[in-house]
Amino acid sequence: MLSQLFDGANLFVLPFWALIIVLPKWEITRKVISSPLPFMALAGLYFYLLVVAVNPESAQALANPKLADIARFFADEGAAAVGWVHFLVMDLFVGRYIYLEGQDKGIITTHSLILGLFFGPLGLLSHLVTSAIVTRLKTPTPTSEPG
């Protein structure tokens, strides 16, 4: 069952990524991505997996994390599923932020969204850099008056 939940979570996020990357201007895309429901569903799955995977011993290790303890924790399939669903939720949430801000500010986001889909934080970094560059280019430079 764990494997099916893992596979289902991976498949669940793909339509949302496809919408924001392939059909960013479609009005349905904004409605779907603006909804909290996909995130609530993923967070619910995360909660379930967390309850199933975390026991008192692993909770103790997570309370005062050391790299070796985290590595042992994620060696368990249930814990790995918890971690992966965490990535899926947070990466999609960041993708949502990139998409919505790009739409609101008229900033191209395709490259940042693709990076976000595959490399999470690099997509956010790409968007922040892109946004700063576009904002700077759009801001008129003050002209000096002859004195």
C-alpha atoms as a PDB file:
ATOM      1  CA  MET A   1       0.000   0.000   0.000  1.00  0.00           C
ATOM      2  CA  LEU A   2       2.867   2.372   0.797  1.00  0.00           C
ATOM      3  CA  SER A   3       4.248   1.947  -2.695  1.00  0.00           C
ATOM      4  CA  GLN A   4       0.839   2.733  -4.215  1.00  0.00           C
ATOM      5  CA  LEU A   5       0.479   5.892  -2.117  1.00  0.00           C
ATOM      6  CA  PHE A   6       3.973   6.957  -3.150  1.00  0.00           C
ATOM      7  CA  ASP A   7       3.218   6.331  -6.833  1.00  0.00           C
ATOM      8  CA  GLY A   8      -0.153   8.054  -6.514  1.00  0.00           C
ATOM      9  CA  ALA A   9       1.397  11.156  -4.961  1.00  0.00           C
ATOM     10  CA  ASN A  10       3.922  11.366  -7.801  1.00  0.00           C
ATOM     11  CA  LEU A  11       1.158  11.126 -10.393  1.00  0.00           C
ATOM     12  CA  PHE A  12      -1.120  13.507  -8.488  1.00  0.00           C
ATOM     13  CA  VAL A  13       1.211  16.509  -8.836  1.00  0.00           C
ATOM     14  CA  LEU A  14       1.942  16.095 -12.550  1.00  0.00           C
ATOM     15  CA  PRO A  15      -1.265  17.675 -13.930  1.00  0.00           C
ATOM     16  CA  PHE A  16      -0.677  20.782 -11.816  1.00  0.00           C
ATOM     17  CA  TRP A  17       2.891  21.141 -13.063  1.00  0.00           C
ATOM     18  CA  ALA A  18       1.690  20.530 -16.631  1.00  0.00           C
ATOM     19  CA  LEU A  19      -0.907  23.280 -16.325  1.00  0.00           C
ATOM     20  CA  ILE A  20       1.477  25.941 -15.022  1.00  0.00           C
ATOM     21  CA  ILE A  21       4.252  25.040 -17.481  1.00  0.00           C
ATOM     22  CA  VAL A  22       2.293  24.226 -20.649  1.00  0.00           C
ATOM     23  CA  LEU A  23      -0.920  26.281 -20.239  1.00  0.00           C
ATOM     24  CA  PRO A  24       0.025  29.231 -18.020  1.00  0.00           C
ATOM     25  CA  LYS A  25      -2.351  31.710 -19.677  1.00  0.00           C
ATOM     26  CA  TRP A  26      -5.411  29.430 -19.603  1.00  0.00           C
ATOM     27  CA  GLU A  27      -7.959  30.824 -17.138  1.00  0.00           C
ATOM     28  CA  ILE A  28      -8.644  27.331 -15.758  1.00  0.00           C
ATOM     29  CA  THR A  29      -4.965  27.021 -14.824  1.00  0.00           C
ATOM     30  CA  ARG A  30      -5.119  30.024 -12.509  1.00  0.00           C
ATOM     31  CA  LYS A  31      -8.351  28.784 -10.905  1.00  0.00           C
ATOM     32  CA  VAL A  32      -6.949  25.305 -10.300  1.00  0.00           C
ATOM     33  CA  ILE A  33      -3.582  26.512  -9.017  1.00  0.00           C
ATOM     34  CA  SER A  34      -5.162  29.155  -6.776  1.00  0.00           C
ATOM     35  CA  SER A  35      -7.188  26.497  -4.976  1.00  0.00           C
ATOM     36  CA  PRO A  36      -5.863  25.139  -1.677  1.00  0.00           C
ATOM     37  CA  LEU A  37      -7.458  21.728  -2.331  1.00  0.00           C
ATOM     38  CA  PRO A  38      -4.474  20.037  -4.037  1.00  0.00           C
ATOM     39  CA  PHE A  39      -2.226  21.144  -1.193  1.00  0.00           C
ATOM     40  CA  MET A  40      -4.718  19.992   1.407  1.00  0.00           C
ATOM     41  CA  ALA A  41      -4.894  16.556  -0.236  1.00  0.00           C
ATOM     42  CA  LEU A  42      -1.115  16.232  -0.321  1.00  0.00           C
ATOM     43  CA  ALA A  43      -0.790  17.528   3.238  1.00  0.00           C
ATOM     44  CA  GLY A  44      -3.373  14.961   4.334  1.00  0.00           C
ATOM     45  CA  LEU A  45      -1.357  12.198   2.697  1.00  0.00           C
ATOM     46  CA  TYR A  46       1.786  13.591   4.337  1.00  0.00           C
ATOM     47  CA  PHE A  47       0.091  13.512   7.736  1.00  0.00           C
ATOM     48  CA  TYR A  48      -1.038   9.932   7.223  1.00  0.00           C
ATOM     49  CA  LEU A  49       2.429   8.793   6.157  1.00  0.00           C
ATOM     50  CA  LEU A  50       4.006  10.675   9.048  1.00  0.00           C
ATOM     51  CA  VAL A  51       1.754   8.948  11.567  1.00  0.00           C
ATOM     52  CA  VAL A  52       2.507   5.564  10.006  1.00  0.00           C
ATOM     53  CA  ALA A  53       6.277   6.069   9.601  1.00  0.00           C
ATOM     54  CA  VAL A  54       7.326   7.919  12.729  1.00  0.00           C
ATOM     55  CA  ASN A  55       7.691   5.960  15.926  1.00  0.00           C
ATOM     56  CA  PRO A  56       8.954   7.211  19.306  1.00  0.00           C
ATOM     57  CA  GLU A  57      12.557   6.304  18.447  1.00  0.00           C
ATOM     58  CA  SER A  58      12.572   8.104  15.112  1.00  0.00           C
ATOM     59  CA  ALA A  59      10.718  11.065  16.622  1.00  0.00           C
ATOM     60  CA  GLN A  60      13.499  11.339  19.201  1.00  0.00           C
ATOM     61  CA  ALA A  61      16.096  11.368  16.404  1.00  0.00           C
ATOM     62  CA  LEU A  62      14.152  14.043  14.519  1.00  0.00           C
ATOM     63  CA  ALA A  63      13.776  16.192  17.631  1.00  0.00           C
ATOM     64  CA  ASN A  64      17.530  16.802  17.779  1.00  0.00           C
ATOM     65  CA  PRO A  65      18.654  15.959  14.253  1.00  0.00           C
ATOM     66  CA  LYS A  66      22.120  14.745  13.455  1.00  0.00           C
ATOM     67  CA  LEU A  67      23.020  13.815   9.900  1.00  0.00           C
ATOM     68  CA  ALA A  68      23.608  10.159  10.755  1.00  0.00           C
ATOM     69  CA  ASP A  69      20.202   9.955  12.499  1.00  0.00           C
ATOM     70  CA  ILE A  70      18.446  11.525   9.515  1.00  0.00           C
ATOM     71  CA  ALA A  71      20.205   9.101   7.159  1.00  0.00           C
ATOM     72  CA  ARG A  72      19.048   6.142   9.272  1.00  0.00           C
ATOM     73  CA  PHE A  73      15.512   7.562   9.408  1.00  0.00           C
ATOM     74  CA  PHE A  74      15.267   7.935   5.628  1.00  0.00           C
ATOM     75  CA  ALA A  75      16.662   4.437   5.078  1.00  0.00           C
ATOM     76  CA  ASP A  76      13.171   3.208   6.047  1.00  0.00           C
ATOM     77  CA  GLU A  77      10.683   3.124   3.129  1.00  0.00           C
ATOM     78  CA  GLY A  78       7.934   4.757   5.169  1.00  0.00           C
ATOM     79  CA  ALA A  79      10.201   7.595   6.214  1.00  0.00           C
ATOM     80  CA  ALA A  80      11.448   8.012   2.644  1.00  0.00           C
ATOM     81  CA  ALA A  81       7.822   8.265   1.485  1.00  0.00           C
ATOM     82  CA  VAL A  82       7.171  10.936   4.129  1.00  0.00           C
ATOM     83  CA  GLY A  83      10.208  12.882   2.950  1.00  0.00           C
ATOM     84  CA  TRP A  84       9.296  12.556  -0.711  1.00  0.00           C
ATOM     85  CA  VAL A  85       5.704  13.699  -0.193  1.00  0.00           C
ATOM     86  CA  HIS A  86       7.111  16.626   1.795  1.00  0.00           C
ATOM     87  CA  PHE A  87       9.202  17.532  -1.274  1.00  0.00           C
ATOM     88  CA  LEU A  88       6.197  17.150  -3.565  1.00  0.00           C
ATOM     89  CA  VAL A  89       4.007  19.438  -1.435  1.00  0.00           C
ATOM     90  CA  MET A  90       6.623  22.115  -0.920  1.00  0.00           C
ATOM     91  CA  ASP A  91       7.956  22.083  -4.488  1.00  0.00           C
ATOM     92  CA  LEU A  92       4.435  22.395  -5.900  1.00  0.00           C
ATOM     93  CA  PHE A  93       3.689  25.190  -3.447  1.00  0.00           C
ATOM     94  CA  VAL A  94       6.818  27.034  -4.589  1.00  0.00           C
ATOM     95  CA  GLY A  95       5.807  26.329  -8.192  1.00  0.00           C
ATOM     96  CA  ARG A  96       2.439  27.890  -7.408  1.00  0.00           C
ATOM     97  CA  TYR A  97       4.177  30.970  -6.005  1.00  0.00           C
ATOM     98  CA  ILE A  98       6.422  31.271  -9.075  1.00  0.00           C
ATOM     99  CA  TYR A  99       3.461  30.843 -11.419  1.00  0.00           C
ATOM    100  CA  LEU A 100       1.159  33.309  -9.671  1.00  0.00           C
ATOM    101  CA  GLU A 101       3.827  35.971  -9.231  1.00  0.00           C
ATOM    102  CA  GLY A 102       4.919  35.555 -12.840  1.00  0.00           C
ATOM    103  CA  GLN A 103       1.341  35.961 -14.036  1.00  0.00           C
ATOM    104  CA  ASP A 104       0.760  39.004 -11.830  1.00  0.00           C
ATOM    105  CA  LYS A 105       4.013  40.735 -12.818  1.00  0.00           C
ATOM    106  CA  GLY A 106       4.175  39.605 -16.441  1.00  0.00           C
ATOM    107  CA  ILE A 107       7.397  37.658 -15.884  1.00  0.00           C
ATOM    108  CA  ILE A 108       8.286  34.589 -17.919  1.00  0.00           C
ATOM    109  CA  THR A 109       8.394  31.593 -15.600  1.00  0.00           C
ATOM    110  CA  THR A 110       8.715  28.482 -17.773  1.00  0.00           C
ATOM    111  CA  HIS A 111      12.427  27.997 -17.099  1.00  0.00           C
ATOM    112  CA  SER A 112      11.984  28.534 -13.360  1.00  0.00           C
ATOM    113  CA  LEU A 113       9.011  26.170 -13.192  1.00  0.00           C
ATOM    114  CA  ILE A 114      10.891  23.410 -15.011  1.00  0.00           C
ATOM    115  CA  LEU A 115      13.820  23.864 -12.634  1.00  0.00           C
ATOM    116  CA  GLY A 116      11.375  23.859  -9.715  1.00  0.00           C
ATOM    117  CA  LEU A 117       9.768  20.634 -10.891  1.00  0.00           C
ATOM    118  CA  PHE A 118      13.081  18.806 -11.056  1.00  0.00           C
ATOM    119  CA  PHE A 119      15.337  20.673  -8.627  1.00  0.00           C
ATOM    120  CA  GLY A 120      12.995  22.503  -6.207  1.00  0.00           C
ATOM    121  CA  PRO A 121      14.973  25.346  -4.686  1.00  0.00           C
ATOM    122  CA  LEU A 122      16.864  26.053  -7.923  1.00  0.00           C
ATOM    123  CA  GLY A 123      13.542  26.937  -9.529  1.00  0.00           C
ATOM    124  CA  LEU A 124      12.863  29.439  -6.764  1.00  0.00           C
ATOM    125  CA  LEU A 125      16.343  30.908  -7.123  1.00  0.00           C
ATOM    126  CA  SER A 126      15.905  31.149 -10.886  1.00  0.00           C
ATOM    127  CA  HIS A 127      12.595  32.939 -10.461  1.00  0.00           C
ATOM    128  CA  LEU A 128      13.943  35.386  -7.891  1.00  0.00           C
ATOM    129  CA  VAL A 129      16.873  36.256 -10.173  1.00  0.00           C
ATOM    130  CA  THR A 130      14.611  36.514 -13.227  1.00  0.00           C
ATOM    131  CA  SER A 131      12.156  38.693 -11.309  1.00  0.00           C
ATOM    132  CA  ALA A 132      14.938  41.012 -10.107  1.00  0.00           C
ATOM    133  CA  ILE A 133      16.343  41.371 -13.630  1.00  0.00           C
ATOM    134  CA  VAL A 134      12.948  42.002 -15.226  1.00  0.00           C
ATOM    135  CA  THR A 135      11.991  44.482 -12.511  1.00  0.00           C
ATOM    136  CA  ARG A 136      15.260  46.333 -12.980  1.00  0.00           C
ATOM    137  CA  LEU A 137      14.842  46.435 -16.757  1.00  0.00           C
ATOM    138  CA  LYS A 138      11.250  47.685 -16.467  1.00  0.00           C
ATOM    139  CA  THR A 139      12.112  50.416 -13.957  1.00  0.00           C
ATOM    140  CA  PRO A 140      12.788  53.657 -15.782  1.00  0.00           C
ATOM    141  CA  THR A 141      16.112  55.236 -14.974  1.00  0.00           C
ATOM    142  CA  PRO A 142      15.870  58.777 -13.680  1.00  0.00           C
ATOM    143  CA  THR A 143      17.133  61.352 -16.100  1.00  0.00           C
ATOM    144  CA  SER A 144      19.193  64.151 -14.774  1.00  0.00           C
ATOM    145  CA  GLU A 145      18.037  67.665 -15.483  1.00  0.00           C
ATOM    146  CA  PRO A 146      20.686  70.050 -16.762  1.00  0.00           C
ATOM    147  CA  GLY A 147      21.531  72.443 -14.007  1.00  0.00           C
END
